[in-house]
Amino acid sequence: MDNNKISKITFACMIGAALFFDTVQFGADLMNFIPFIGFIFAWVISSGVSIFAWLTFFLWFRLIGSKFDSKIVATTVGAFFIELIPILNALPAWTLSIVVIFIFFQAKEIAGKVAPKTAKLIDKSAREEK
């Protein structure tokens, strides 16, 4: 698959998975209200879900043929660390991360249609950075 494209079906599936991970972490966050042991259970569950979610999206992007470039790494690692922090893990960080990544891909695709020469220069400079 082209590095500049994510199909809308794939995007919808990724959003579904991200919403599932965020819902599980929100549920785990509710365990913080149980004195003492609730905090430990919530942290263990949230950490496990965060690790599994990050690995899922890493594998998913690799399977669709996308390079795990700096934008994808920054958003997924950011979501990972937000989801590790108690109370903040109730926020839908994984869903936001996938939406931001999709916006990056769409912007690159639109730039390629509107100004193909500029998009090629941007893509070329991005490859030279690595």
N, C-alpha and C. Protein backbone atom coordinates (compact mmCIF):
# COMPACT_ATOMS: atom_id res chain seq x y z
N MET A 1 0.84 -1.19 0.00
CA MET A 1 0.00 0.00 0.00
C MET A 1 0.87 1.24 0.00
N ASP A 2 0.39 2.28 -0.62
CA ASP A 2 1.11 3.54 -0.69
C ASP A 2 1.26 4.12 0.70
N ASN A 3 2.43 4.66 0.99
CA ASN A 3 2.72 5.22 2.30
C ASN A 3 1.84 6.44 2.60
N ASN A 4 1.27 7.06 1.58
CA ASN A 4 0.47 8.26 1.77
C ASN A 4 -1.01 7.98 1.97
N LYS A 5 -1.42 6.73 2.00
CA LYS A 5 -2.84 6.43 2.06
C LYS A 5 -3.18 5.45 3.17
N ILE A 6 -4.30 5.73 3.81
CA ILE A 6 -4.95 4.77 4.69
C ILE A 6 -6.39 4.75 4.21
N SER A 7 -6.91 3.57 3.89
CA SER A 7 -8.29 3.51 3.40
C SER A 7 -9.25 3.91 4.51
N LYS A 8 -10.41 4.34 4.10
CA LYS A 8 -11.42 4.76 5.08
C LYS A 8 -11.91 3.58 5.92
N ILE A 9 -11.92 2.40 5.33
CA ILE A 9 -12.32 1.20 6.08
C ILE A 9 -11.28 0.88 7.15
N THR A 10 -10.01 0.95 6.77
CA THR A 10 -8.94 0.71 7.74
C THR A 10 -9.00 1.74 8.85
N PHE A 11 -9.22 3.01 8.47
CA PHE A 11 -9.33 4.07 9.46
C PHE A 11 -10.49 3.80 10.42
N ALA A 12 -11.64 3.37 9.89
CA ALA A 12 -12.80 3.08 10.74
C ALA A 12 -12.50 1.93 11.71
N CYS A 13 -11.80 0.91 11.22
CA CYS A 13 -11.42 -0.21 12.09
C CYS A 13 -10.44 0.23 13.17
N MET A 14 -9.49 1.10 12.79
CA MET A 14 -8.53 1.61 13.77
C MET A 14 -9.23 2.46 14.83
N ILE A 15 -10.18 3.28 14.40
CA ILE A 15 -10.95 4.08 15.36
C ILE A 15 -11.74 3.17 16.30
N GLY A 16 -12.33 2.12 15.75
CA GLY A 16 -13.06 1.17 16.58
C GLY A 16 -12.17 0.52 17.63
N ALA A 17 -10.97 0.10 17.21
CA ALA A 17 -10.03 -0.51 18.15
C ALA A 17 -9.58 0.51 19.19
N ALA A 18 -9.31 1.74 18.75
CA ALA A 18 -8.87 2.78 19.68
C ALA A 18 -9.97 3.10 20.69
N LEU A 19 -11.22 3.18 20.22
CA LEU A 19 -12.34 3.42 21.14
C LEU A 19 -12.48 2.28 22.15
N PHE A 20 -12.26 1.05 21.68
CA PHE A 20 -12.31 -0.10 22.60
C PHE A 20 -11.23 0.02 23.67
N PHE A 21 -10.00 0.32 23.26
CA PHE A 21 -8.91 0.46 24.23
C PHE A 21 -9.20 1.59 25.22
N ASP A 22 -9.71 2.72 24.71
CA ASP A 22 -10.02 3.85 25.59
C ASP A 22 -11.16 3.52 26.55
N THR A 23 -12.14 2.76 26.09
CA THR A 23 -13.25 2.37 26.96
C THR A 23 -12.77 1.44 28.08
N VAL A 24 -11.92 0.49 27.73
CA VAL A 24 -11.38 -0.42 28.75
C VAL A 24 -10.56 0.37 29.77
N GLN A 25 -9.77 1.33 29.30
CA GLN A 25 -8.96 2.11 30.23
C GLN A 25 -9.82 3.04 31.08
N PHE A 26 -10.91 3.54 30.53
CA PHE A 26 -11.83 4.36 31.32
C PHE A 26 -12.46 3.50 32.41
N GLY A 27 -12.85 2.28 32.06
CA GLY A 27 -13.41 1.36 33.05
C GLY A 27 -12.39 1.02 34.13
N ALA A 28 -11.16 0.80 33.72
CA ALA A 28 -10.10 0.52 34.70
C ALA A 28 -9.87 1.73 35.59
N ASP A 29 -10.02 2.92 35.03
CA ASP A 29 -9.81 4.14 35.80
C ASP A 29 -10.86 4.28 36.91
N LEU A 30 -12.05 3.72 36.68
CA LEU A 30 -13.09 3.77 37.71
C LEU A 30 -12.70 2.95 38.94
N MET A 31 -11.78 2.00 38.77
CA MET A 31 -11.32 1.20 39.91
C MET A 31 -10.53 2.04 40.91
N ASN A 32 -10.07 3.21 40.50
CA ASN A 32 -9.33 4.07 41.43
C ASN A 32 -10.16 4.48 42.63
N PHE A 33 -11.49 4.36 42.52
CA PHE A 33 -12.35 4.72 43.64
C PHE A 33 -12.40 3.64 44.72
N ILE A 34 -11.90 2.46 44.42
CA ILE A 34 -11.81 1.39 45.43
C ILE A 34 -10.54 1.68 46.24
N PRO A 35 -10.67 1.82 47.55
CA PRO A 35 -9.50 2.17 48.36
C PRO A 35 -8.37 1.13 48.24
N PHE A 36 -7.16 1.62 48.24
CA PHE A 36 -5.90 0.87 48.22
C PHE A 36 -5.72 -0.03 47.00
N ILE A 37 -6.42 -1.15 46.98
CA ILE A 37 -6.18 -2.14 45.95
C ILE A 37 -6.70 -1.70 44.58
N GLY A 38 -7.68 -0.82 44.54
CA GLY A 38 -8.23 -0.33 43.28
C GLY A 38 -7.19 0.40 42.45
N PHE A 39 -6.35 1.19 43.10
CA PHE A 39 -5.31 1.92 42.39
C PHE A 39 -4.33 0.96 41.72
N ILE A 40 -3.96 -0.09 42.42
CA ILE A 40 -3.02 -1.06 41.88
C ILE A 40 -3.64 -1.80 40.70
N PHE A 41 -4.88 -2.27 40.86
CA PHE A 41 -5.56 -2.96 39.75
C PHE A 41 -5.72 -2.04 38.55
N ALA A 42 -6.12 -0.81 38.79
CA ALA A 42 -6.32 0.15 37.70
C ALA A 42 -5.01 0.39 36.96
N TRP A 43 -3.93 0.56 37.70
CA TRP A 43 -2.64 0.83 37.06
C TRP A 43 -2.16 -0.37 36.25
N VAL A 44 -2.31 -1.57 36.80
CA VAL A 44 -1.87 -2.79 36.10
C VAL A 44 -2.69 -2.99 34.82
N ILE A 45 -4.00 -2.85 34.92
CA ILE A 45 -4.86 -3.04 33.74
C ILE A 45 -4.56 -1.97 32.70
N SER A 46 -4.46 -0.72 33.14
CA SER A 46 -4.20 0.38 32.22
C SER A 46 -2.85 0.23 31.53
N SER A 47 -1.84 -0.18 32.27
CA SER A 47 -0.52 -0.38 31.67
C SER A 47 -0.55 -1.52 30.65
N GLY A 48 -1.21 -2.60 31.00
CA GLY A 48 -1.31 -3.73 30.07
C GLY A 48 -2.05 -3.36 28.80
N VAL A 49 -3.14 -2.64 28.95
CA VAL A 49 -3.91 -2.21 27.77
C VAL A 49 -3.09 -1.24 26.93
N SER A 50 -2.34 -0.33 27.57
CA SER A 50 -1.51 0.63 26.83
C SER A 50 -0.44 -0.07 26.01
N ILE A 51 0.21 -1.03 26.61
CA ILE A 51 1.26 -1.78 25.90
C ILE A 51 0.65 -2.55 24.74
N PHE A 52 -0.47 -3.22 24.99
CA PHE A 52 -1.14 -3.98 23.94
C PHE A 52 -1.62 -3.06 22.81
N ALA A 53 -2.17 -1.90 23.16
CA ALA A 53 -2.66 -0.96 22.15
C ALA A 53 -1.51 -0.44 21.30
N TRP A 54 -0.41 -0.08 21.93
CA TRP A 54 0.73 0.43 21.16
C TRP A 54 1.25 -0.64 20.20
N LEU A 55 1.39 -1.86 20.69
CA LEU A 55 1.86 -2.95 19.83
C LEU A 55 0.86 -3.24 18.70
N THR A 56 -0.43 -3.15 19.00
CA THR A 56 -1.45 -3.38 17.98
C THR A 56 -1.34 -2.36 16.86
N PHE A 57 -1.24 -1.08 17.22
CA PHE A 57 -1.17 -0.05 16.18
C PHE A 57 0.17 -0.08 15.45
N PHE A 58 1.25 -0.41 16.15
CA PHE A 58 2.55 -0.55 15.49
C PHE A 58 2.47 -1.63 14.41
N LEU A 59 1.94 -2.80 14.79
CA LEU A 59 1.80 -3.90 13.84
C LEU A 59 0.84 -3.54 12.72
N TRP A 60 -0.24 -2.88 13.04
CA TRP A 60 -1.23 -2.51 12.05
C TRP A 60 -0.64 -1.59 10.99
N PHE A 61 0.10 -0.57 11.42
CA PHE A 61 0.71 0.33 10.45
C PHE A 61 1.76 -0.39 9.61
N ARG A 62 2.48 -1.30 10.20
CA ARG A 62 3.46 -2.07 9.43
C ARG A 62 2.78 -2.98 8.42
N LEU A 63 1.65 -3.59 8.81
CA LEU A 63 0.94 -4.50 7.90
C LEU A 63 0.31 -3.79 6.71
N ILE A 64 -0.10 -2.53 6.87
CA ILE A 64 -0.68 -1.80 5.74
C ILE A 64 0.41 -1.18 4.88
N GLY A 65 1.67 -1.39 5.25
CA GLY A 65 2.78 -0.93 4.43
C GLY A 65 3.22 0.48 4.73
N SER A 66 2.79 1.03 5.84
CA SER A 66 3.17 2.39 6.19
C SER A 66 4.45 2.37 7.02
N LYS A 67 5.30 3.34 6.75
CA LYS A 67 6.49 3.47 7.57
C LYS A 67 6.08 4.06 8.91
N PHE A 68 6.69 3.58 9.96
CA PHE A 68 6.41 4.10 11.29
C PHE A 68 7.28 5.34 11.48
N ASP A 69 6.89 6.44 10.81
CA ASP A 69 7.72 7.64 10.80
C ASP A 69 7.53 8.46 12.08
N SER A 70 8.21 9.59 12.15
CA SER A 70 8.25 10.38 13.38
C SER A 70 6.87 10.88 13.80
N LYS A 71 6.00 11.19 12.86
CA LYS A 71 4.66 11.68 13.22
C LYS A 71 3.85 10.58 13.88
N ILE A 72 3.91 9.39 13.32
CA ILE A 72 3.17 8.26 13.89
C ILE A 72 3.75 7.90 15.25
N VAL A 73 5.07 7.87 15.34
CA VAL A 73 5.72 7.53 16.61
C VAL A 73 5.35 8.55 17.68
N ALA A 74 5.41 9.85 17.33
CA ALA A 74 5.13 10.90 18.31
C ALA A 74 3.70 10.80 18.84
N THR A 75 2.74 10.57 17.97
CA THR A 75 1.36 10.52 18.43
C THR A 75 1.06 9.24 19.22
N THR A 76 1.59 8.11 18.77
CA THR A 76 1.29 6.87 19.50
C THR A 76 2.05 6.79 20.83
N VAL A 77 3.28 7.26 20.85
CA VAL A 77 4.03 7.26 22.12
C VAL A 77 3.41 8.27 23.09
N GLY A 78 2.96 9.42 22.55
CA GLY A 78 2.27 10.39 23.39
C GLY A 78 1.02 9.80 24.01
N ALA A 79 0.23 9.10 23.20
CA ALA A 79 -0.98 8.44 23.72
C ALA A 79 -0.62 7.39 24.76
N PHE A 80 0.45 6.65 24.49
CA PHE A 80 0.89 5.60 25.42
C PHE A 80 1.18 6.20 26.80
N PHE A 81 1.94 7.29 26.84
CA PHE A 81 2.30 7.87 28.13
C PHE A 81 1.13 8.57 28.81
N ILE A 82 0.23 9.16 28.03
CA ILE A 82 -0.98 9.75 28.63
C ILE A 82 -1.82 8.66 29.28
N GLU A 83 -1.91 7.51 28.63
CA GLU A 83 -2.71 6.43 29.16
C GLU A 83 -2.06 5.73 30.37
N LEU A 84 -0.80 5.98 30.62
CA LEU A 84 -0.16 5.41 31.81
C LEU A 84 -0.39 6.25 33.06
N ILE A 85 -0.76 7.51 32.89
CA ILE A 85 -0.93 8.41 34.04
C ILE A 85 -2.34 8.25 34.60
N PRO A 86 -2.44 7.90 35.89
CA PRO A 86 -3.77 7.75 36.49
C PRO A 86 -4.59 9.03 36.33
N ILE A 87 -5.87 8.89 36.22
CA ILE A 87 -6.86 9.93 36.00
C ILE A 87 -6.81 10.43 34.55
N LEU A 88 -5.62 10.77 34.03
CA LEU A 88 -5.52 11.19 32.63
C LEU A 88 -5.86 10.06 31.67
N ASN A 89 -5.70 8.81 32.13
CA ASN A 89 -5.99 7.69 31.24
C ASN A 89 -7.48 7.54 30.94
N ALA A 90 -8.32 8.35 31.59
CA ALA A 90 -9.74 8.36 31.25
C ALA A 90 -10.00 9.13 29.96
N LEU A 91 -9.02 9.92 29.53
CA LEU A 91 -9.15 10.66 28.27
C LEU A 91 -8.99 9.70 27.08
N PRO A 92 -9.66 9.97 25.97
CA PRO A 92 -9.55 9.07 24.80
C PRO A 92 -8.28 9.34 23.98
N ALA A 93 -7.13 9.11 24.57
CA ALA A 93 -5.85 9.42 23.92
C ALA A 93 -5.59 8.55 22.70
N TRP A 94 -5.94 7.28 22.75
CA TRP A 94 -5.69 6.41 21.60
C TRP A 94 -6.55 6.84 20.41
N THR A 95 -7.80 7.18 20.67
CA THR A 95 -8.68 7.63 19.60
C THR A 95 -8.16 8.93 18.99
N LEU A 96 -7.78 9.87 19.83
CA LEU A 96 -7.23 11.13 19.34
C LEU A 96 -5.96 10.90 18.52
N SER A 97 -5.13 9.99 18.99
CA SER A 97 -3.89 9.67 18.28
C SER A 97 -4.17 9.16 16.87
N ILE A 98 -5.11 8.25 16.73
CA ILE A 98 -5.43 7.69 15.42
C ILE A 98 -6.06 8.74 14.52
N VAL A 99 -6.91 9.60 15.07
CA VAL A 99 -7.50 10.68 14.27
C VAL A 99 -6.43 11.63 13.77
N VAL A 100 -5.48 11.99 14.62
CA VAL A 100 -4.39 12.90 14.22
C VAL A 100 -3.54 12.25 13.12
N ILE A 101 -3.23 10.98 13.26
CA ILE A 101 -2.45 10.28 12.23
C ILE A 101 -3.21 10.27 10.91
N PHE A 102 -4.51 10.01 10.96
CA PHE A 102 -5.30 10.01 9.73
C PHE A 102 -5.31 11.39 9.08
N ILE A 103 -5.38 12.44 9.90
CA ILE A 103 -5.33 13.81 9.37
C ILE A 103 -4.00 14.06 8.69
N PHE A 104 -2.90 13.58 9.27
CA PHE A 104 -1.58 13.71 8.63
C PHE A 104 -1.59 13.05 7.25
N PHE A 105 -2.12 11.84 7.18
CA PHE A 105 -2.15 11.11 5.91
C PHE A 105 -3.03 11.83 4.89
N GLN A 106 -4.20 12.32 5.34
CA GLN A 106 -5.09 13.02 4.43
C GLN A 106 -4.46 14.32 3.93
N ALA A 107 -3.78 15.05 4.82
CA ALA A 107 -3.13 16.30 4.42
C ALA A 107 -2.06 16.05 3.37
N LYS A 108 -1.32 14.98 3.55
CA LYS A 108 -0.28 14.64 2.59
C LYS A 108 -0.89 14.27 1.23
N GLU A 109 -2.01 13.55 1.26
CA GLU A 109 -2.69 13.16 0.03
C GLU A 109 -3.25 14.39 -0.68
N ILE A 110 -3.87 15.30 0.07
CA ILE A 110 -4.43 16.51 -0.53
C ILE A 110 -3.32 17.39 -1.10
N ALA A 111 -2.21 17.49 -0.37
CA ALA A 111 -1.08 18.28 -0.86
C ALA A 111 -0.55 17.69 -2.17
N GLY A 112 -0.57 16.37 -2.27
CA GLY A 112 -0.12 15.70 -3.50
C GLY A 112 -1.01 16.01 -4.69
N LYS A 113 -2.30 16.21 -4.44
CA LYS A 113 -3.23 16.53 -5.53
C LYS A 113 -3.18 18.01 -5.90
N VAL A 114 -3.07 18.87 -4.89
CA VAL A 114 -3.11 20.31 -5.13
C VAL A 114 -1.79 20.82 -5.70
N ALA A 115 -0.70 20.42 -5.09
CA ALA A 115 0.62 20.88 -5.52
C ALA A 115 1.57 19.70 -5.56
N PRO A 116 1.52 18.90 -6.63
CA PRO A 116 2.32 17.67 -6.68
C PRO A 116 3.82 17.90 -6.57
N LYS A 117 4.32 18.97 -7.16
CA LYS A 117 5.76 19.22 -7.08
C LYS A 117 6.18 19.54 -5.66
N THR A 118 5.38 20.33 -4.97
CA THR A 118 5.68 20.66 -3.58
C THR A 118 5.61 19.41 -2.71
N ALA A 119 4.61 18.58 -2.93
CA ALA A 119 4.48 17.35 -2.15
C ALA A 119 5.68 16.43 -2.37
N LYS A 120 6.17 16.36 -3.62
CA LYS A 120 7.35 15.54 -3.89
C LYS A 120 8.58 16.09 -3.18
N LEU A 121 8.72 17.41 -3.15
CA LEU A 121 9.85 18.03 -2.44
C LEU A 121 9.78 17.75 -0.94
N ILE A 122 8.57 17.85 -0.39
CA ILE A 122 8.39 17.58 1.04
C ILE A 122 8.72 16.12 1.33
N ASP A 123 8.21 15.21 0.49
CA ASP A 123 8.47 13.78 0.68
C ASP A 123 9.96 13.49 0.54
N LYS A 124 10.61 14.13 -0.41
CA LYS A 124 12.03 13.93 -0.63
C LYS A 124 12.85 14.42 0.55
N SER A 125 12.50 15.60 1.08
CA SER A 125 13.24 16.14 2.23
C SER A 125 13.00 15.29 3.48
N ALA A 126 11.80 14.72 3.62
CA ALA A 126 11.52 13.85 4.75
C ALA A 126 12.36 12.58 4.69
N ARG A 127 12.57 12.04 3.47
CA ARG A 127 13.41 10.84 3.33
C ARG A 127 14.87 11.16 3.60
N GLU A 128 15.31 12.36 3.22
CA GLU A 128 16.70 12.75 3.45
C GLU A 128 16.98 12.96 4.94
N GLU A 129 15.95 13.31 5.71
CA GLU A 129 16.11 13.52 7.15
C GLU A 129 16.52 12.24 7.84
N LYS A 130 16.05 11.13 7.35
CA LYS A 130 16.29 9.84 8.00
C LYS A 130 17.64 9.39 7.69
